C-alpha atoms as a PDB file:
ATOM      1  CA  MET A   1      -0.249 -32.663  21.815  1.00  0.00           C
ATOM      2  CA  THR A   2       1.485 -29.033  22.320  1.00  0.00           C
ATOM      3  CA  GLU A   3       3.516 -28.996  18.585  1.00  0.00           C
ATOM      4  CA  ARG A   4       0.211 -29.512  16.998  1.00  0.00           C
ATOM      5  CA  THR A   5      -1.634 -27.001  18.855  1.00  0.00           C
ATOM      6  CA  ASP A   6       1.742 -24.839  18.481  1.00  0.00           C
ATOM      7  CA  GLN A   7       1.135 -25.412  14.577  1.00  0.00           C
ATOM      8  CA  ALA A   8      -2.644 -25.170  14.721  1.00  0.00           C
ATOM      9  CA  ARG A   9      -1.746 -21.938  16.071  1.00  0.00           C
ATOM     10  CA  TRP A  10       0.536 -21.196  13.794  1.00  0.00           C
ATOM     11  CA  GLU A  11      -1.654 -22.080  10.570  1.00  0.00           C
ATOM     12  CA  ALA A  12      -4.754 -20.333  11.793  1.00  0.00           C
ATOM     13  CA  PRO A  13      -3.545 -17.164   9.543  1.00  0.00           C
ATOM     14  CA  LEU A  14      -3.437 -19.189   6.460  1.00  0.00           C
ATOM     15  CA  ARG A  15      -7.216 -21.488   6.737  1.00  0.00           C
ATOM     16  CA  PRO A  16      -9.679 -18.857   5.875  1.00  0.00           C
ATOM     17  CA  LEU A  17      -7.766 -18.013   2.980  1.00  0.00           C
ATOM     18  CA  ALA A  18      -7.213 -21.272   1.513  1.00  0.00           C
ATOM     19  CA  GLY A  19     -10.747 -21.837   2.375  1.00  0.00           C
ATOM     20  CA  LEU A  20     -11.422 -19.521  -0.106  1.00  0.00           C
ATOM     21  CA  ALA A  21      -9.256 -20.970  -2.941  1.00  0.00           C
ATOM     22  CA  VAL A  22     -10.638 -24.265  -2.789  1.00  0.00           C
ATOM     23  CA  ASN A  23     -14.568 -22.754  -2.344  1.00  0.00           C
ATOM     24  CA  VAL A  24     -15.971 -24.481  -5.327  1.00  0.00           C
ATOM     25  CA  SER A  25     -18.623 -22.002  -5.202  1.00  0.00           C
ATOM     26  CA  VAL A  26     -16.309 -19.096  -5.609  1.00  0.00           C
ATOM     27  CA  ILE A  27     -14.261 -20.924  -8.332  1.00  0.00           C
ATOM     28  CA  THR A  28     -17.766 -21.582 -10.189  1.00  0.00           C
ATOM     29  CA  ALA A  29     -18.854 -17.707 -10.271  1.00  0.00           C
ATOM     30  CA  LEU A  30     -15.252 -16.631 -11.385  1.00  0.00           C
ATOM     31  CA  LEU A  31     -15.885 -19.283 -14.361  1.00  0.00           C
ATOM     32  CA  VAL A  32     -18.866 -18.118 -15.396  1.00  0.00           C
ATOM     33  CA  TYR A  33     -18.516 -14.259 -14.520  1.00  0.00           C
ATOM     34  CA  PHE A  34     -15.337 -14.666 -16.893  1.00  0.00           C
ATOM     35  CA  GLY A  35     -17.422 -16.889 -19.798  1.00  0.00           C
ATOM     36  CA  TRP A  36     -19.811 -14.087 -19.705  1.00  0.00           C
ATOM     37  CA  ARG A  37     -17.586 -11.246 -19.439  1.00  0.00           C
ATOM     38  CA  ARG A  38     -15.571 -12.458 -22.711  1.00  0.00           C
ATOM     39  CA  THR A  39     -18.322 -13.531 -24.535  1.00  0.00           C
ATOM     40  CA  GLU A  40     -20.129  -9.754 -24.095  1.00  0.00           C
ATOM     41  CA  THR A  41     -17.123  -8.255 -25.371  1.00  0.00           C
ATOM     42  CA  GLN A  42     -16.567  -9.935 -28.026  1.00  0.00           C
ATOM     43  CA  ALA A  43     -20.270 -10.010 -29.103  1.00  0.00           C
ATOM     44  CA  ARG A  44     -20.363  -5.741 -28.537  1.00  0.00           C
ATOM     45  CA  LEU A  45     -17.307  -5.369 -30.714  1.00  0.00           C
ATOM     46  CA  LEU A  46     -19.168  -7.472 -33.486  1.00  0.00           C
ATOM     47  CA  GLY A  47     -22.785  -5.613 -33.110  1.00  0.00           C
ATOM     48  CA  ILE A  48     -24.611  -8.126 -31.490  1.00  0.00           C
ATOM     49  CA  ASP A  49     -25.592  -7.811 -27.590  1.00  0.00           C
ATOM     50  CA  GLU A  50     -24.594 -10.904 -25.432  1.00  0.00           C
ATOM     51  CA  SER A  51     -28.291 -11.534 -24.678  1.00  0.00           C
ATOM     52  CA  ILE A  52     -28.974 -12.695 -28.338  1.00  0.00           C
ATOM     53  CA  LEU A  53     -26.745 -15.801 -28.359  1.00  0.00           C
ATOM     54  CA  GLY A  54     -29.077 -17.554 -25.634  1.00  0.00           C
ATOM     55  CA  LEU A  55     -25.372 -18.607 -23.669  1.00  0.00           C
ATOM     56  CA  THR A  56     -26.420 -21.044 -20.838  1.00  0.00           C
ATOM     57  CA  THR A  57     -24.240 -20.729 -17.281  1.00  0.00           C
ATOM     58  CA  GLN A  58     -22.912 -24.522 -18.748  1.00  0.00           C
ATOM     59  CA  ASP A  59     -21.849 -22.749 -21.868  1.00  0.00           C
ATOM     60  CA  PHE A  60     -19.983 -20.156 -19.958  1.00  0.00           C
ATOM     61  CA  LEU A  61     -18.299 -22.505 -18.072  1.00  0.00           C
ATOM     62  CA  LEU A  62     -17.488 -24.591 -20.864  1.00  0.00           C
ATOM     63  CA  ARG A  63     -16.381 -21.159 -22.885  1.00  0.00           C
ATOM     64  CA  SER A  64     -14.339 -20.583 -19.386  1.00  0.00           C
ATOM     65  CA  ILE A  65     -12.177 -23.468 -18.923  1.00  0.00           C
ATOM     66  CA  GLY A  66      -9.726 -23.318 -21.509  1.00  0.00           C
ATOM     67  CA  PRO A  67      -8.807 -19.692 -21.283  1.00  0.00           C
ATOM     68  CA  LEU A  68      -8.645 -19.540 -17.153  1.00  0.00           C
ATOM     69  CA  PHE A  69      -6.828 -23.674 -17.204  1.00  0.00           C
ATOM     70  CA  VAL A  70      -3.129 -21.793 -16.779  1.00  0.00           C
ATOM     71  CA  PRO A  71      -3.822 -18.655 -14.764  1.00  0.00           C
ATOM     72  CA  VAL A  72      -5.816 -21.121 -12.097  1.00  0.00           C
ATOM     73  CA  ALA A  73      -2.798 -23.514 -12.146  1.00  0.00           C
ATOM     74  CA  VAL A  74      -0.138 -20.812 -11.245  1.00  0.00           C
ATOM     75  CA  ALA A  75      -2.421 -19.492  -8.657  1.00  0.00           C
ATOM     76  CA  ALA A  76      -2.502 -22.887  -6.861  1.00  0.00           C
ATOM     77  CA  ALA A  77       1.221 -23.481  -7.549  1.00  0.00           C
ATOM     78  CA  GLY A  78       1.743 -20.283  -5.740  1.00  0.00           C
ATOM     79  CA  GLY A  79      -0.357 -21.202  -2.750  1.00  0.00           C
ATOM     80  CA  LEU A  80       1.564 -24.713  -2.779  1.00  0.00           C
ATOM     81  CA  ALA A  81       4.775 -22.337  -2.609  1.00  0.00           C
ATOM     82  CA  TRP A  82       2.949 -19.766  -0.077  1.00  0.00           C
ATOM     83  CA  LEU A  83       2.443 -22.819   2.071  1.00  0.00           C
ATOM     84  CA  TRP A  84       6.342 -24.303   1.912  1.00  0.00           C
ATOM     85  CA  LEU A  85       7.487 -20.807   2.298  1.00  0.00           C
ATOM     86  CA  HIS A  86       5.613 -20.682   5.771  1.00  0.00           C
ATOM     87  CA  ARG A  87       6.067 -24.090   6.855  1.00  0.00           C
ATOM     88  CA  LEU A  88       9.898 -23.143   6.435  1.00  0.00           C
ATOM     89  CA  LEU A  89       9.491 -20.347   8.702  1.00  0.00           C
ATOM     90  CA  LEU A  90       7.613 -22.206  11.472  1.00  0.00           C
ATOM     91  CA  ARG A  91      10.320 -24.652  11.805  1.00  0.00           C
ATOM     92  CA  ARG A  92      12.509 -21.253  11.869  1.00  0.00           C
ATOM     93  CA  ILE A  93      10.685 -20.292  14.762  1.00  0.00           C
ATOM     94  CA  ALA A  94      10.420 -23.184  16.711  1.00  0.00           C
ATOM     95  CA  ILE A  95      13.868 -23.572  17.238  1.00  0.00           C
ATOM     96  CA  GLY A  96      14.704 -19.370  17.915  1.00  0.00           C
ATOM     97  CA  ARG A  97      15.560 -18.589  14.784  1.00  0.00           C
ATOM     98  CA  VAL A  98      13.902 -15.490  14.419  1.00  0.00           C
ATOM     99  CA  ARG A  99      16.587 -12.959  13.077  1.00  0.00           C
ATOM    100  CA  GLY A 100      15.634 -11.287   9.828  1.00  0.00           C
ATOM    101  CA  LEU A 101      11.403 -12.057  10.774  1.00  0.00           C
ATOM    102  CA  ARG A 102      10.276  -9.507  12.638  1.00  0.00           C
ATOM    103  CA  SER A 103      12.155  -7.009   9.764  1.00  0.00           C
ATOM    104  CA  GLY A 104      10.266  -9.092   7.258  1.00  0.00           C
ATOM    105  CA  ALA A 105       6.672  -8.650   8.608  1.00  0.00           C
ATOM    106  CA  ARG A 106       7.341  -5.169   9.389  1.00  0.00           C
ATOM    107  CA  ALA A 107       8.334  -4.957   5.700  1.00  0.00           C
ATOM    108  CA  MET A 108       5.421  -6.461   4.806  1.00  0.00           C
ATOM    109  CA  LEU A 109       3.263  -4.207   5.918  1.00  0.00           C
ATOM    110  CA  VAL A 110       3.359  -1.599   3.233  1.00  0.00           C
ATOM    111  CA  ALA A 111       3.256  -4.593   0.756  1.00  0.00           C
ATOM    112  CA  TRP A 112      -0.600  -3.604   0.374  1.00  0.00           C
ATOM    113  CA  LEU A 113       0.936  -0.060  -1.207  1.00  0.00           C
ATOM    114  CA  VAL A 114       4.242  -1.003  -2.974  1.00  0.00           C
ATOM    115  CA  VAL A 115       3.034  -3.974  -4.564  1.00  0.00           C
ATOM    116  CA  PRO A 116       0.610  -2.039  -7.070  1.00  0.00           C
ATOM    117  CA  ALA A 117       3.116   1.118  -7.073  1.00  0.00           C
ATOM    118  CA  ILE A 118       5.134  -1.746  -8.830  1.00  0.00           C
ATOM    119  CA  ALA A 119       2.149  -2.756 -11.338  1.00  0.00           C
ATOM    120  CA  VAL A 120       1.987   0.376 -12.120  1.00  0.00           C
ATOM    121  CA  VAL A 121       5.247   0.396 -13.134  1.00  0.00           C
ATOM    122  CA  LEU A 122       5.096  -2.318 -14.907  1.00  0.00           C
ATOM    123  CA  GLY A 123       2.061  -0.325 -16.946  1.00  0.00           C
ATOM    124  CA  LEU A 124       4.578   2.623 -18.136  1.00  0.00           C
ATOM    125  CA  VAL A 125       6.789  -0.744 -20.326  1.00  0.00           C
ATOM    126  CA  ALA A 126       4.021  -2.740 -20.950  1.00  0.00           C
ATOM    127  CA  PRO A 127       0.551  -1.430 -20.623  1.00  0.00           C
ATOM    128  CA  SER A 128      -1.221  -4.620 -22.111  1.00  0.00           C
ATOM    129  CA  ILE A 129       0.486  -7.111 -19.045  1.00  0.00           C
ATOM    130  CA  ALA A 130      -0.859  -3.830 -16.439  1.00  0.00           C
ATOM    131  CA  ILE A 131      -4.224  -4.682 -17.585  1.00  0.00           C
ATOM    132  CA  ILE A 132      -4.242  -7.926 -15.821  1.00  0.00           C
ATOM    133  CA  ALA A 133      -1.486  -7.197 -13.120  1.00  0.00           C
ATOM    134  CA  PHE A 134      -2.885  -4.228 -11.635  1.00  0.00           C
ATOM    135  CA  PRO A 135      -5.847  -5.197 -10.729  1.00  0.00           C
ATOM    136  CA  MET A 136      -4.486  -7.986  -9.216  1.00  0.00           C
ATOM    137  CA  SER A 137      -1.151  -6.856  -7.423  1.00  0.00           C
ATOM    138  CA  PHE A 138      -4.060  -4.871  -5.219  1.00  0.00           C
ATOM    139  CA  ALA A 139      -4.582  -9.161  -4.003  1.00  0.00           C
ATOM    140  CA  VAL A 140      -0.954  -9.847  -4.113  1.00  0.00           C
ATOM    141  CA  GLY A 141      -0.799  -6.941  -1.546  1.00  0.00           C
ATOM    142  CA  LEU A 142      -3.050  -6.991   0.493  1.00  0.00           C
ATOM    143  CA  LEU A 143      -2.198 -10.824   1.572  1.00  0.00           C
ATOM    144  CA  LEU A 144       1.618 -10.457   2.047  1.00  0.00           C
ATOM    145  CA  THR A 145       0.136  -6.855   4.998  1.00  0.00           C
ATOM    146  CA  TYR A 146      -2.450  -9.399   6.265  1.00  0.00           C
ATOM    147  CA  TYR A 147       0.413 -12.322   6.229  1.00  0.00           C
ATOM    148  CA  GLY A 148       2.910  -9.692   7.793  1.00  0.00           C
ATOM    149  CA  VAL A 149       0.882  -8.426  10.630  1.00  0.00           C
ATOM    150  CA  ALA A 150      -0.463 -12.293  11.658  1.00  0.00           C
ATOM    151  CA  LEU A 151       3.416 -13.487  11.666  1.00  0.00           C
ATOM    152  CA  GLY A 152       4.425 -10.164  13.452  1.00  0.00           C
ATOM    153  CA  ARG A 153       1.826 -10.571  15.876  1.00  0.00           C
ATOM    154  CA  LEU A 154       2.745 -13.978  16.422  1.00  0.00           C
ATOM    155  CA  LEU A 155       7.009 -13.112  16.898  1.00  0.00           C
ATOM    156  CA  GLU A 156       5.531 -10.451  19.549  1.00  0.00           C
ATOM    157  CA  ALA A 157       4.237 -13.353  21.546  1.00  0.00           C
ATOM    158  CA  GLU A 158       2.637 -10.770  24.365  1.00  0.00           C
ATOM    159  CA  SER A 159      -0.514 -11.320  25.704  1.00  0.00           C
ATOM    160  CA  GLU A 160      -2.064  -8.066  25.519  1.00  0.00           C
ATOM    161  CA  THR A 161      -1.637  -8.180  21.563  1.00  0.00           C
ATOM    162  CA  GLN A 162      -2.659 -12.057  21.307  1.00  0.00           C
ATOM    163  CA  GLU A 163      -6.089 -11.073  22.928  1.00  0.00           C
ATOM    164  CA  VAL A 164      -6.099  -7.930  20.851  1.00  0.00           C
ATOM    165  CA  ALA A 165      -5.756 -10.585  17.588  1.00  0.00           C
ATOM    166  CA  LEU A 166      -7.790 -12.820  18.848  1.00  0.00           C
ATOM    167  CA  TRP A 167     -10.684 -10.482  19.394  1.00  0.00           C
ATOM    168  CA  HIS A 168     -10.083  -8.827  15.673  1.00  0.00           C
ATOM    169  CA  SER A 169      -8.853 -11.712  14.029  1.00  0.00           C
ATOM    170  CA  PRO A 170     -13.136 -13.037  12.477  1.00  0.00           C
ATOM    171  CA  LEU A 171     -13.316  -8.925  11.491  1.00  0.00           C
ATOM    172  CA  GLU A 172     -10.042  -9.060   9.652  1.00  0.00           C
ATOM    173  CA  ARG A 173     -10.511 -12.107   7.811  1.00  0.00           C
ATOM    174  CA  ALA A 174     -13.501 -11.436   6.517  1.00  0.00           C
ATOM    175  CA  PHE A 175     -12.905  -7.527   4.979  1.00  0.00           C
ATOM    176  CA  VAL A 176      -9.807  -9.509   3.346  1.00  0.00           C
ATOM    177  CA  VAL A 177     -11.624 -11.849   2.195  1.00  0.00           C
ATOM    178  CA  VAL A 178     -14.023  -9.305   0.342  1.00  0.00           C
ATOM    179  CA  LEU A 179     -11.273  -7.680  -0.715  1.00  0.00           C
ATOM    180  CA  VAL A 180      -9.652 -10.646  -2.317  1.00  0.00           C
ATOM    181  CA  LEU A 181     -12.454 -11.636  -4.024  1.00  0.00           C
ATOM    182  CA  ALA A 182     -13.270  -7.718  -5.613  1.00  0.00           C
ATOM    183  CA  SER A 183      -9.718  -7.926  -6.655  1.00  0.00           C
ATOM    184  CA  VAL A 184      -9.436 -11.516  -8.397  1.00  0.00           C
ATOM    185  CA  PHE A 185     -13.060  -9.893 -10.006  1.00  0.00           C
ATOM    186  CA  TRP A 186     -11.540  -7.293 -11.237  1.00  0.00           C
ATOM    187  CA  THR A 187      -8.449  -8.955 -12.702  1.00  0.00           C
ATOM    188  CA  VAL A 188     -11.140 -11.835 -14.248  1.00  0.00           C
ATOM    189  CA  SER A 189     -13.257  -9.012 -15.929  1.00  0.00           C
ATOM    190  CA  ASN A 190      -9.920  -6.984 -17.301  1.00  0.00           C
ATOM    191  CA  TYR A 191      -8.821 -10.444 -18.807  1.00  0.00           C
ATOM    192  CA  ALA A 192     -11.894 -11.421 -19.981  1.00  0.00           C
ATOM    193  CA  GLU A 193     -12.162  -8.212 -21.968  1.00  0.00           C
ATOM    194  CA  LEU A 194      -8.866  -8.874 -22.978  1.00  0.00           C
ATOM    195  CA  LEU A 195      -9.460 -11.954 -24.623  1.00  0.00           C
ATOM    196  CA  GLY A 196     -12.779 -11.236 -25.901  1.00  0.00           C
ATOM    197  CA  ALA A 197     -11.635  -7.825 -27.679  1.00  0.00           C
ATOM    198  CA  GLY A 198      -8.709  -9.762 -28.865  1.00  0.00           C
ATOM    199  CA  LEU A 199     -11.282 -12.602 -30.686  1.00  0.00           C
ATOM    200  CA  ALA A 200     -13.151  -9.839 -32.335  1.00  0.00           C
ATOM    201  CA  ARG A 201     -10.332  -8.073 -33.749  1.00  0.00           C
ATOM    202  CA  ASP A 202      -8.675 -10.789 -35.212  1.00  0.00           C
ATOM    203  CA  LEU A 203     -11.991 -12.638 -36.967  1.00  0.00           C
ATOM    204  CA  GLN A 204     -11.440 -10.695 -40.172  1.00  0.00           C
ATOM    205  CA  ALA A 205      -7.954 -12.381 -40.396  1.00  0.00           C
ATOM    206  CA  GLN A 206      -9.206 -16.010 -39.006  1.00  0.00           C
ATOM    207  CA  LEU A 207     -12.075 -15.839 -41.870  1.00  0.00           C
ATOM    208  CA  PRO A 208     -11.171 -17.896 -44.336  1.00  0.00           C
ATOM    209  CA  ARG A 209     -10.346 -20.518 -41.781  1.00  0.00           C
ATOM    210  CA  LEU A 210     -14.396 -20.912 -40.721  1.00  0.00           C
ATOM    211  CA  THR A 211     -16.529 -23.420 -41.973  1.00  0.00           C
ATOM    212  CA  GLU A 212     -18.432 -21.986 -45.333  1.00  0.00           C
ATOM    213  CA  VAL A 213     -21.800 -22.064 -44.906  1.00  0.00           C
ATOM    214  CA  ILE A 214     -24.405 -22.660 -48.250  1.00  0.00           C
ATOM    215  CA  VAL A 215     -27.750 -21.805 -47.170  1.00  0.00           C
ATOM    216  CA  TYR A 216     -30.555 -22.905 -49.010  1.00  0.00           C
ATOM    217  CA  SER A 217     -34.229 -21.711 -49.097  1.00  0.00           C
ATOM    218  CA  PRO A 218     -37.749 -21.735 -50.580  1.00  0.00           C
ATOM    219  CA  GLN A 219     -37.555 -17.534 -50.874  1.00  0.00           C
ATOM    220  CA  ARG A 220     -35.790 -14.737 -51.189  1.00  0.00           C
ATOM    221  CA  LEU A 221     -33.771 -14.021 -47.855  1.00  0.00           C
ATOM    222  CA  GLY A 222     -32.516 -10.818 -48.553  1.00  0.00           C
ATOM    223  CA  ILE A 223     -29.417 -11.258 -46.808  1.00  0.00           C
ATOM    224  CA  GLU A 224     -27.757  -8.080 -47.402  1.00  0.00           C
ATOM    225  CA  ALA A 225     -24.179  -8.500 -46.026  1.00  0.00           C
ATOM    226  CA  PRO A 226     -20.512  -7.462 -47.370  1.00  0.00           C
ATOM    227  CA  GLY A 227     -19.318 -10.719 -49.555  1.00  0.00           C
ATOM    228  CA  ALA A 228     -22.896 -12.631 -49.407  1.00  0.00           C
ATOM    229  CA  SER A 229     -24.998 -13.299 -52.588  1.00  0.00           C
ATOM    230  CA  GLU A 230     -28.148 -14.413 -53.062  1.00  0.00           C
ATOM    231  CA  GLU A 231     -28.679 -16.812 -55.839  1.00  0.00           C
ATOM    232  CA  PRO A 232     -31.665 -18.396 -58.249  1.00  0.00           C
ATOM    233  CA  LEU A 233     -31.529 -22.126 -58.748  1.00  0.00           C
ATOM    234  CA  ASP A 234     -33.270 -21.882 -61.569  1.00  0.00           C
ATOM    235  CA  THR A 235     -30.169 -20.104 -62.961  1.00  0.00           C
ATOM    236  CA  PHE A 236     -28.330 -23.396 -63.031  1.00  0.00           C
ATOM    237  CA  GLY A 237     -30.835 -25.492 -65.099  1.00  0.00           C
ATOM    238  CA  ASP A 238     -32.982 -26.519 -62.058  1.00  0.00           C
ATOM    239  CA  SER A 239     -36.173 -24.686 -62.890  1.00  0.00           C
ATOM    240  CA  ASP A 240     -38.607 -27.341 -60.976  1.00  0.00           C
ATOM    241  CA  ASP A 241     -41.390 -25.142 -59.096  1.00  0.00           C
ATOM    242  CA  ASP A 242     -42.053 -28.420 -57.299  1.00  0.00           C
ATOM    243  CA  ALA A 243     -38.495 -28.245 -55.906  1.00  0.00           C
ATOM    244  CA  ALA A 244     -37.999 -27.816 -51.848  1.00  0.00           C
ATOM    245  CA  TYR A 245     -36.101 -25.200 -52.579  1.00  0.00           C
ATOM    246  CA  HIS A 246     -35.337 -22.254 -55.300  1.00  0.00           C
ATOM    247  CA  TYR A 247     -32.532 -19.904 -53.897  1.00  0.00           C
ATOM    248  CA  ARG A 248     -29.460 -20.186 -52.389  1.00  0.00           C
ATOM    249  CA  THR A 249     -27.475 -17.951 -50.271  1.00  0.00           C
ATOM    250  CA  VAL A 250     -23.326 -18.374 -50.380  1.00  0.00           C
ATOM    251  CA  GLY A 251     -20.800 -16.035 -49.030  1.00  0.00           C
ATOM    252  CA  LEU A 252     -21.159 -16.714 -45.574  1.00  0.00           C
ATOM    253  CA  ARG A 253     -19.109 -18.199 -42.747  1.00  0.00           C
ATOM    254  CA  LEU A 254     -20.635 -20.154 -39.331  1.00  0.00           C
ATOM    255  CA  LEU A 255     -19.684 -18.567 -36.242  1.00  0.00           C
ATOM    256  CA  ASP A 256     -21.496 -19.865 -33.935  1.00  0.00           C
ATOM    257  CA  HIS A 257     -24.192 -21.963 -33.386  1.00  0.00           C
ATOM    258  CA  THR A 258     -25.962 -21.893 -29.948  1.00  0.00           C
ATOM    259  CA  GLY A 259     -29.494 -21.255 -28.536  1.00  0.00           C
ATOM    260  CA  GLY A 260     -30.878 -23.104 -31.192  1.00  0.00           C
ATOM    261  CA  HIS A 261     -29.812 -20.643 -33.582  1.00  0.00           C
ATOM    262  CA  TYR A 262     -26.953 -20.640 -36.285  1.00  0.00           C
ATOM    263  CA  PHE A 263     -25.178 -17.591 -36.378  1.00  0.00           C
ATOM    264  CA  LEU A 264     -23.621 -16.586 -39.189  1.00  0.00           C
ATOM    265  CA  ILE A 265     -20.792 -14.136 -41.198  1.00  0.00           C
ATOM    266  CA  SER A 266     -19.999 -12.726 -44.464  1.00  0.00           C
ATOM    267  CA  ASP A 267     -16.988 -13.067 -46.343  1.00  0.00           C
ATOM    268  CA  GLY A 268     -16.260  -9.462 -46.625  1.00  0.00           C
ATOM    269  CA  TRP A 269     -16.807  -8.623 -42.582  1.00  0.00           C
ATOM    270  CA  THR A 270     -14.638  -6.250 -41.503  1.00  0.00           C
ATOM    271  CA  PRO A 271     -14.769  -4.546 -37.939  1.00  0.00           C
ATOM    272  CA  ARG A 272     -15.676  -1.278 -39.682  1.00  0.00           C
ATOM    273  CA  TYR A 273     -18.819  -3.262 -41.499  1.00  0.00           C
ATOM    274  CA  GLY A 274     -19.795  -6.255 -40.579  1.00  0.00           C
ATOM    275  CA  VAL A 275     -23.751  -7.899 -40.297  1.00  0.00           C
ATOM    276  CA  VAL A 276     -24.435 -11.285 -38.396  1.00  0.00           C
ATOM    277  CA  VAL A 277     -26.725 -13.613 -39.656  1.00  0.00           C
ATOM    278  CA  MET A 278     -29.013 -15.614 -37.176  1.00  0.00           C
ATOM    279  CA  LEU A 279     -30.673 -18.375 -38.708  1.00  0.00           C
ATOM    280  CA  ALA A 280     -33.028 -20.565 -36.043  1.00  0.00           C
ATOM    281  CA  ASP A 281     -32.728 -24.739 -36.646  1.00  0.00           C
ATOM    282  CA  ASP A 282     -36.753 -24.846 -37.034  1.00  0.00           C
ATOM    283  CA  ASP A 283     -36.458 -22.301 -40.033  1.00  0.00           C
ATOM    284  CA  PRO A 284     -36.864 -23.531 -43.750  1.00  0.00           C
ATOM    285  CA  VAL A 285     -33.986 -23.341 -44.899  1.00  0.00           C
ATOM    286  CA  ARG A 286     -31.161 -26.094 -45.493  1.00  0.00           C
ATOM    287  CA  LEU A 287     -27.233 -25.903 -44.276  1.00  0.00           C
ATOM    288  CA  GLU A 288     -24.809 -27.106 -46.002  1.00  0.00           C
ATOM    289  CA  PHE A 289     -21.161 -26.949 -44.219  1.00  0.00           C
ATOM    290  CA  VAL A 290     -18.445 -26.181 -46.241  1.00  0.00           C
ATOM    291  CA  ARG A 291     -14.733 -27.120 -45.493  1.00  0.00           C
ATOM    292  CA  ASP A 292     -11.778 -26.139 -48.209  1.00  0.00           C
ATOM    293  CA  ARG A 293     -14.381 -25.644 -51.315  1.00  0.00           C
ATOM    294  CA  ASP A 294     -11.740 -23.830 -52.800  1.00  0.00           C
ATOM    295  CA  GLY A 295      -8.761 -25.803 -51.837  1.00  0.00           C
ATOM    296  CA  GLU A 296      -7.384 -22.589 -49.882  1.00  0.00           C
ATOM    297  CA  GLY A 297      -8.011 -23.319 -46.758  1.00  0.00           C
ATOM    298  CA  ASP A 298      -5.115 -24.487 -44.580  1.00  0.00           C
END
């Protein structure tokens, strides 16, 4: 019984942080925020507002799972490694082998400053990595400092110190959780913006791989987009006045289909000048989706 009580006391500093890691509400909020931020950045660079896309919370979640799978897996693996190391420290403390632990605990007290400083230096070498590493360094440094404080208090084993630790513990944990959450959301925001900017930047090179769309309409659509052209069907020998469609527009590519609308861009789209065309599902048009019509796609 005593051994279990001691183990519970030793593991107490990790409980609120573990609870934070597995909190479904926090993870869901992160996924939704990441999906929104990435979409907002990409839409802004395309020249439109994110609200036009009409994405739902479910859409944001689905668009976040793939890009965040690896970071979440790495974070979970890091948490497991931390717990494994913590249990090793508990065994050393239980048998009285505390040599070096006090020095390590004191060294961790300055982690909140050292870890961000390392991220700043990293930014001089690899700026793109530092965009993610710098905000995350605050969470890592703070957690190491918090753990160093908790470990130092437990090693001291003084009654007065224990009373102070118990009195401050709820407030400390609350502030730690808030600051770690702020750092994580900052990191997620930067990562989402980085991916969204990359998607918009690479769009021109990806145009030939996007699905080609031919739009048939009863009247002129008047789409003014680089690389798109509108052709009357009677030019091709179809002069039937009773035909449902009299014009077709070519040179368009499917960008997305969300919120009951098709979003199309033209073959001549560039970051400097590009047009995003929006057609509703109930518009009186017919869409044909063509894959590799000219045999050029690969």
